[in-house]
Amino acid sequence: MTPRMEIRQMREEGERHFLSPYASLAAVSRGRERPERLCHIRTAFQRDRDRIIHSKAFRRLKDKTQVFLAPAGDHFRTRLTHTLEVSQISRTIARAAGLNEDLTEAIALGHDLGHTPFGHAGEEVLREVHPGGFNHNQQSLRVVDVLEKDGGLNLTWEVRDGIANHTGPVRPGTLEGEVVRLSDRIAYINHDIDDAIRGGVLGAADLPPLVVGRLGSTHTARINTLVEDCVFESYRQPWVRLSQPVQEAMDLARKFLFDHVYLGSGAKREEEKAKNLLRSLYVYYRDHPEQLYDGHGPGDTTPSQAVVDYLAGMTDRFCIERYNELFVPSPWRRG
């Protein structure tokens, strides 16, 4: 019979033998803030992945907006489906490039746990009203460090670093984090084009010729081009990147989305309503802190941070329900 500890150790030994010399190894992780007994079967990064999947914040992603608010169709992306697409793209790149697939998956699954309801419109409001500002990267880190399980999930340094730096000026400290950073952009650029075409905001012929010529004319072709290009450019190298022509095409596709979908389309006209809704809820709960967490939030939380934690954790549906309950009169019924 195989000794119980041997399963995890075999996995760790396999990482040493088969991964790129630039990959992150679970056996030499920088560790957790609170030391724990090792699992008999799973590596440290596999345990982190499982903790994220079983978290309440992960389940709530299914009812959070990606780009289109309250879409009428069943096939538009949500924050959860976006996260799963990032995870799939990240795992494909990591496996092919010789990086740690488990670490990459854990970062990808956790990268948007702190995202607000109503997508980036919600993030803009909380950044505006909260004295400390708001950044969904840092809120995602706060979710896994503090808010989940009344004290955090106690994840490894590598996963926490990847979550905190999946966007923004600071680069991740691991190549696996870089894979998620790039995969996030690959995923949202391509699925937002797909959703915009499905929603009638764009036509397939509207895409810039350079984007179509270099990346492809279909959703599948574009993702395949980007993933393959990343793997060929990054295979067993100390970097994760695209070739210059493909990077240029992806940057143009992103700019096109900002100009024609994110900022300049009829699909965004409901955003101001969502922003006003969140502003109203922020003021209400700031003035009624006793209604948050039944009066029991994390010990080091300021009143404003408590409101931000509560609002950022809401799904779109729950946010609308709270607004209706607090601000919309109920029909009078004779007793």
Protein backbone atom coordinates (compact mmCIF):
# COMPACT_ATOMS: atom_id res chain seq x y z
CA MET A 1 0.00 0.00 0.00
CA THR A 2 1.22 3.49 -0.86
CA PRO A 3 2.13 5.52 2.27
CA ARG A 4 -0.35 8.33 2.79
CA MET A 5 2.20 11.14 2.47
CA GLU A 6 3.69 9.72 -0.71
CA ILE A 7 0.89 10.94 -3.02
CA ARG A 8 1.50 14.64 -2.43
CA GLN A 9 5.25 14.10 -2.43
CA MET A 10 5.10 12.30 -5.78
CA ARG A 11 3.20 15.23 -7.23
CA GLU A 12 5.78 17.67 -5.87
CA GLU A 13 8.61 15.55 -7.22
CA GLY A 14 6.91 15.46 -10.62
CA GLU A 15 6.84 19.27 -10.64
CA ARG A 16 10.60 19.35 -10.05
CA HIS A 17 11.28 16.97 -12.94
CA PHE A 18 8.81 18.08 -15.59
CA LEU A 19 8.08 21.79 -15.19
CA SER A 20 10.07 24.67 -16.64
CA PRO A 21 13.03 25.83 -14.52
CA TYR A 22 11.11 29.12 -14.22
CA ALA A 23 7.91 27.53 -12.87
CA SER A 24 6.72 27.93 -9.28
CA LEU A 25 7.01 24.72 -7.27
CA ALA A 26 4.48 23.90 -4.58
CA ALA A 27 7.12 22.30 -2.37
CA VAL A 28 9.06 25.57 -2.10
CA SER A 29 6.10 27.93 -1.80
CA ARG A 30 6.72 31.04 0.28
CA GLY A 31 4.00 29.65 2.48
CA ARG A 32 0.95 30.82 4.37
CA GLU A 33 0.53 33.52 6.97
CA ARG A 34 -0.63 30.86 9.43
CA PRO A 35 1.32 27.57 9.14
CA GLU A 36 -0.77 24.46 8.53
CA ARG A 37 -0.24 20.73 8.49
CA LEU A 38 0.42 19.50 4.94
CA CYS A 39 -2.29 17.58 3.08
CA HIS A 40 -1.66 13.88 2.43
CA ILE A 41 -2.88 14.12 -1.19
CA ARG A 42 -2.95 17.69 -2.47
CA THR A 43 -0.15 20.21 -2.94
CA ALA A 44 -0.44 23.64 -1.34
CA PHE A 45 -1.66 25.22 -4.59
CA GLN A 46 -4.28 22.51 -5.11
CA ARG A 47 -5.63 23.16 -1.62
CA ASP A 48 -5.86 26.88 -2.40
CA ARG A 49 -7.82 26.15 -5.57
CA ASP A 50 -10.28 24.00 -3.65
CA ARG A 51 -10.76 26.58 -0.90
CA ILE A 52 -11.60 29.24 -3.48
CA ILE A 53 -14.09 27.04 -5.33
CA HIS A 54 -15.92 26.23 -2.09
CA SER A 55 -16.09 29.85 -0.93
CA LYS A 56 -19.32 31.84 -0.77
CA ALA A 57 -17.74 34.67 -2.76
CA PHE A 58 -17.06 32.29 -5.65
CA ARG A 59 -20.69 31.14 -5.73
CA ARG A 60 -21.93 34.73 -5.82
CA LEU A 61 -20.07 35.39 -9.07
CA LYS A 62 -22.85 33.65 -10.97
CA ASP A 63 -25.18 36.62 -10.38
CA LYS A 64 -22.71 39.45 -10.96
CA THR A 65 -22.54 41.46 -14.18
CA GLN A 66 -19.61 41.03 -16.53
CA VAL A 67 -20.38 43.83 -19.04
CA PHE A 68 -24.07 43.81 -19.98
CA LEU A 69 -26.42 44.72 -17.13
CA ALA A 70 -29.38 42.34 -16.65
CA PRO A 71 -29.17 40.90 -20.18
CA ALA A 72 -32.36 39.38 -21.59
CA GLY A 73 -30.67 36.35 -23.17
CA ASP A 74 -29.40 33.23 -21.45
CA HIS A 75 -26.02 33.14 -23.18
CA PHE A 76 -24.38 36.40 -22.09
CA ARG A 77 -21.37 36.12 -19.81
CA THR A 78 -21.52 36.68 -16.08
CA ARG A 79 -18.62 37.24 -13.72
CA LEU A 80 -18.60 33.49 -13.01
CA THR A 81 -18.46 32.37 -16.63
CA HIS A 82 -15.74 34.97 -17.24
CA THR A 83 -13.76 33.48 -14.35
CA LEU A 84 -14.16 29.96 -15.73
CA GLU A 85 -13.00 31.09 -19.18
CA VAL A 86 -9.94 32.76 -17.65
CA SER A 87 -9.23 29.56 -15.75
CA GLN A 88 -9.47 27.41 -18.88
CA ILE A 89 -7.23 29.69 -20.96
CA SER A 90 -4.73 30.01 -18.11
CA ARG A 91 -4.51 26.25 -17.58
CA THR A 92 -3.99 25.62 -21.28
CA ILE A 93 -1.14 28.13 -21.49
CA ALA A 94 0.47 27.01 -18.23
CA ARG A 95 0.41 23.32 -19.10
CA ALA A 96 1.80 23.86 -22.60
CA ALA A 97 4.46 26.34 -21.45
CA GLY A 98 5.71 24.10 -18.63
CA LEU A 99 4.39 26.23 -15.76
CA ASN A 100 2.48 25.20 -12.64
CA GLU A 101 -1.08 24.56 -13.75
CA ASP A 102 -2.43 24.21 -10.20
CA LEU A 103 -1.11 27.60 -9.13
CA THR A 104 -2.38 29.20 -12.32
CA GLU A 105 -5.85 27.74 -11.82
CA ALA A 106 -6.05 28.91 -8.20
CA ILE A 107 -5.12 32.48 -9.13
CA ALA A 108 -7.57 32.51 -12.04
CA LEU A 109 -10.48 31.23 -9.95
CA GLY A 110 -9.82 33.83 -7.26
CA HIS A 111 -8.91 36.87 -9.31
CA ASP A 112 -12.38 38.50 -9.36
CA LEU A 113 -13.82 37.41 -6.00
CA GLY A 114 -13.96 41.04 -4.84
CA HIS A 115 -15.66 42.42 -7.90
CA THR A 116 -18.73 44.56 -7.33
CA PRO A 117 -22.27 44.10 -8.61
CA PHE A 118 -22.92 45.81 -11.96
CA GLY A 119 -19.39 45.28 -13.23
CA HIS A 120 -17.00 48.20 -13.56
CA ALA A 121 -19.85 50.65 -13.05
CA GLY A 122 -20.12 49.39 -9.47
CA GLU A 123 -16.37 49.62 -9.03
CA GLU A 124 -16.40 53.26 -10.16
CA VAL A 125 -19.04 54.15 -7.57
CA LEU A 126 -17.22 52.54 -4.64
CA ARG A 127 -13.97 54.19 -5.73
CA GLU A 128 -15.81 57.51 -5.73
CA VAL A 129 -17.65 57.25 -2.38
CA HIS A 130 -15.21 55.32 -0.18
CA PRO A 131 -12.57 57.57 1.46
CA GLY A 132 -9.95 54.88 0.95
CA GLY A 133 -10.85 54.39 -2.70
CA PHE A 134 -11.66 51.00 -4.18
CA ASN A 135 -9.85 48.50 -6.36
CA HIS A 136 -11.34 45.11 -7.10
CA ASN A 137 -7.87 43.48 -7.03
CA GLN A 138 -7.34 44.54 -3.45
CA GLN A 139 -10.93 43.71 -2.54
CA SER A 140 -10.44 40.21 -3.95
CA LEU A 141 -7.39 39.87 -1.74
CA ARG A 142 -9.40 41.15 1.23
CA VAL A 143 -12.06 38.52 0.53
CA VAL A 144 -9.57 35.65 0.74
CA ASP A 145 -7.53 37.19 3.58
CA VAL A 146 -10.28 38.48 5.87
CA LEU A 147 -13.90 38.12 4.84
CA GLU A 148 -14.29 34.45 3.92
CA LYS A 149 -14.74 32.01 6.81
CA ASP A 150 -14.49 34.77 9.43
CA GLY A 151 -10.77 35.21 9.11
CA GLY A 152 -9.78 34.30 5.59
CA LEU A 153 -8.78 31.25 3.61
CA ASN A 154 -5.09 31.42 4.58
CA LEU A 155 -3.87 31.01 1.00
CA THR A 156 -0.26 30.74 -0.09
CA TRP A 157 1.77 33.85 -0.91
CA GLU A 158 1.91 32.94 -4.61
CA VAL A 159 -1.89 32.76 -5.02
CA ARG A 160 -2.44 35.95 -3.03
CA ASP A 161 0.18 37.79 -5.09
CA GLY A 162 -1.43 36.65 -8.35
CA ILE A 163 -4.88 37.78 -7.22
CA ALA A 164 -3.63 41.18 -6.05
CA ASN A 165 -1.68 41.91 -9.24
CA HIS A 166 -3.78 40.43 -12.04
CA THR A 167 -4.31 43.98 -13.34
CA GLY A 168 -2.69 47.31 -12.57
CA PRO A 169 0.86 48.69 -12.54
CA VAL A 170 2.45 46.06 -10.30
CA ARG A 171 3.40 42.83 -12.01
CA PRO A 172 2.84 39.44 -10.37
CA GLY A 173 5.80 37.81 -8.69
CA THR A 174 5.36 34.50 -10.56
CA LEU A 175 5.08 33.55 -14.21
CA GLU A 176 1.83 31.77 -13.32
CA GLY A 177 0.46 35.11 -12.17
CA GLU A 178 1.58 36.62 -15.47
CA VAL A 179 -0.31 33.88 -17.32
CA VAL A 180 -3.53 34.80 -15.49
CA ARG A 181 -2.94 38.50 -16.10
CA LEU A 182 -2.70 37.89 -19.85
CA SER A 183 -5.46 35.26 -19.91
CA ASP A 184 -7.87 37.66 -18.19
CA ARG A 185 -7.39 40.10 -21.06
CA ILE A 186 -7.59 37.37 -23.71
CA ALA A 187 -10.86 36.13 -22.20
CA TYR A 188 -12.68 39.41 -21.74
CA ILE A 189 -11.66 40.93 -25.07
CA ASN A 190 -12.92 37.91 -26.96
CA HIS A 191 -16.06 37.12 -25.00
CA ASP A 192 -17.06 40.79 -24.90
CA ILE A 193 -16.81 40.93 -28.68
CA ASP A 194 -18.92 37.78 -28.83
CA ASP A 195 -21.54 39.19 -26.43
CA ALA A 196 -21.61 42.55 -28.21
CA ILE A 197 -22.30 40.81 -31.52
CA ARG A 198 -24.95 38.60 -29.89
CA GLY A 199 -26.58 41.69 -28.36
CA GLY A 200 -26.66 43.62 -31.63
CA VAL A 201 -24.22 46.26 -30.39
CA LEU A 202 -21.63 45.22 -32.99
CA GLY A 203 -21.65 43.41 -36.28
CA ALA A 204 -18.92 40.92 -37.15
CA ALA A 205 -17.90 43.19 -40.03
CA ASP A 206 -17.31 46.10 -37.63
CA LEU A 207 -14.06 44.69 -36.22
CA PRO A 208 -10.89 46.42 -37.45
CA PRO A 209 -9.33 44.61 -40.43
CA LEU A 210 -5.99 44.33 -38.64
CA VAL A 211 -7.65 42.46 -35.76
CA VAL A 212 -9.41 40.05 -38.10
CA GLY A 213 -6.33 39.60 -40.27
CA ARG A 214 -3.96 38.77 -37.43
CA LEU A 215 -6.23 37.10 -34.87
CA GLY A 216 -9.03 35.56 -36.94
CA SER A 217 -12.62 36.16 -37.94
CA THR A 218 -14.31 34.00 -35.28
CA HIS A 219 -14.31 33.82 -31.49
CA THR A 220 -12.63 30.40 -31.56
CA ALA A 221 -9.96 31.45 -34.05
CA ARG A 222 -9.02 34.56 -32.09
CA ILE A 223 -8.58 32.72 -28.80
CA ASN A 224 -6.63 29.93 -30.50
CA THR A 225 -4.29 32.45 -32.13
CA LEU A 226 -3.64 34.28 -28.87
CA VAL A 227 -3.09 31.13 -26.80
CA GLU A 228 -0.79 29.48 -29.32
CA ASP A 229 1.21 32.68 -29.82
CA CYS A 230 1.69 33.04 -26.06
CA VAL A 231 2.85 29.44 -25.68
CA PHE A 232 5.29 29.63 -28.59
CA GLU A 233 6.72 32.94 -27.32
CA SER A 234 6.93 31.85 -23.69
CA TYR A 235 7.77 28.13 -23.75
CA ARG A 236 10.34 27.47 -21.00
CA GLN A 237 11.36 31.13 -20.97
CA PRO A 238 11.61 33.52 -17.99
CA TRP A 239 8.70 35.56 -19.33
CA VAL A 240 5.09 35.35 -20.48
CA ARG A 241 4.31 37.41 -23.55
CA LEU A 242 2.82 37.62 -27.03
CA SER A 243 4.70 38.31 -30.23
CA GLN A 244 4.74 41.97 -31.26
CA PRO A 245 2.24 41.63 -34.18
CA VAL A 246 -0.26 39.65 -32.10
CA GLN A 247 0.11 41.98 -29.10
CA GLU A 248 -0.55 44.95 -31.39
CA ALA A 249 -3.72 43.32 -32.72
CA MET A 250 -4.98 42.50 -29.22
CA ASP A 251 -4.32 46.06 -28.05
CA LEU A 252 -6.29 47.38 -31.03
CA ALA A 253 -9.19 45.01 -30.24
CA ARG A 254 -9.24 46.28 -26.66
CA LYS A 255 -9.25 49.92 -27.77
CA PHE A 256 -12.05 49.14 -30.20
CA LEU A 257 -14.14 47.66 -27.37
CA PHE A 258 -13.61 50.70 -25.18
CA ASP A 259 -14.62 53.04 -28.00
CA HIS A 260 -17.64 51.08 -29.25
CA VAL A 261 -18.89 48.93 -26.35
CA TYR A 262 -17.55 49.82 -22.91
CA LEU A 263 -17.92 53.60 -23.26
CA GLY A 264 -19.83 54.35 -26.41
CA SER A 265 -22.80 52.03 -26.84
CA GLY A 266 -26.48 51.88 -26.00
CA ALA A 267 -25.74 48.74 -23.96
CA LYS A 268 -24.27 50.99 -21.29
CA ARG A 269 -27.21 53.38 -20.88
CA GLU A 270 -28.52 51.56 -17.80
CA GLU A 271 -25.22 52.02 -15.98
CA GLU A 272 -26.12 55.41 -14.50
CA LYS A 273 -29.17 53.85 -12.86
CA ALA A 274 -26.98 51.16 -11.34
CA LYS A 275 -24.52 53.78 -10.10
CA ASN A 276 -27.26 55.84 -8.46
CA LEU A 277 -28.61 52.69 -6.82
CA LEU A 278 -25.23 51.86 -5.28
CA ARG A 279 -24.64 55.45 -4.16
CA SER A 280 -27.97 55.44 -2.35
CA LEU A 281 -27.21 52.13 -0.63
CA TYR A 282 -23.76 53.35 0.42
CA VAL A 283 -25.23 56.46 2.10
CA TYR A 284 -27.98 54.44 3.76
CA TYR A 285 -25.70 51.80 5.27
CA ARG A 286 -23.09 54.39 6.23
CA ASP A 287 -25.80 56.09 8.27
CA HIS A 288 -27.19 52.79 9.62
CA PRO A 289 -24.09 50.71 10.44
CA GLU A 290 -26.03 48.57 12.88
CA GLN A 291 -27.69 46.88 9.91
CA LEU A 292 -24.39 45.48 8.59
CA TYR A 293 -23.34 41.93 9.54
CA ASP A 294 -25.83 42.07 12.42
CA GLY A 295 -23.37 44.48 14.02
CA HIS A 296 -20.44 42.02 13.82
CA GLY A 297 -17.87 42.75 11.10
CA PRO A 298 -14.10 42.11 11.01
CA GLY A 299 -12.46 43.72 14.03
CA ASP A 300 -10.21 46.17 12.17
CA THR A 301 -12.91 47.43 9.79
CA THR A 302 -13.76 51.14 9.58
CA PRO A 303 -17.44 52.08 9.19
CA SER A 304 -16.94 52.98 5.52
CA GLN A 305 -14.98 49.79 4.83
CA ALA A 306 -17.77 47.75 6.38
CA VAL A 307 -20.23 49.30 3.92
CA VAL A 308 -17.87 48.69 1.01
CA ASP A 309 -17.37 45.04 2.03
CA TYR A 310 -21.13 44.57 2.18
CA LEU A 311 -21.88 46.27 -1.14
CA ALA A 312 -18.99 44.71 -3.05
CA GLY A 313 -20.13 41.28 -1.94
CA MET A 314 -23.66 41.74 -3.25
CA THR A 315 -24.94 40.13 -6.42
CA ASP A 316 -26.81 42.35 -8.87
CA ARG A 317 -30.10 40.76 -7.86
CA PHE A 318 -29.55 41.13 -4.13
CA CYS A 319 -28.45 44.75 -4.59
CA ILE A 320 -31.68 45.58 -6.45
CA GLU A 321 -33.73 43.78 -3.80
CA ARG A 322 -32.13 45.77 -0.99
CA TYR A 323 -32.71 49.02 -2.87
CA ASN A 324 -36.37 48.21 -3.50
CA GLU A 325 -36.84 47.19 0.12
CA LEU A 326 -35.32 50.43 1.44
CA PHE A 327 -36.41 53.07 -1.09
CA VAL A 328 -39.39 51.84 -3.11
CA PRO A 329 -42.80 52.04 -1.34
CA SER A 330 -44.65 48.77 -0.99
CA PRO A 331 -48.30 48.67 -2.10
CA TRP A 332 -50.67 49.32 0.83
CA ARG A 333 -52.82 46.34 1.68
CA ARG A 334 -55.80 46.51 4.01
CA GLY A 335 -55.17 44.46 7.14
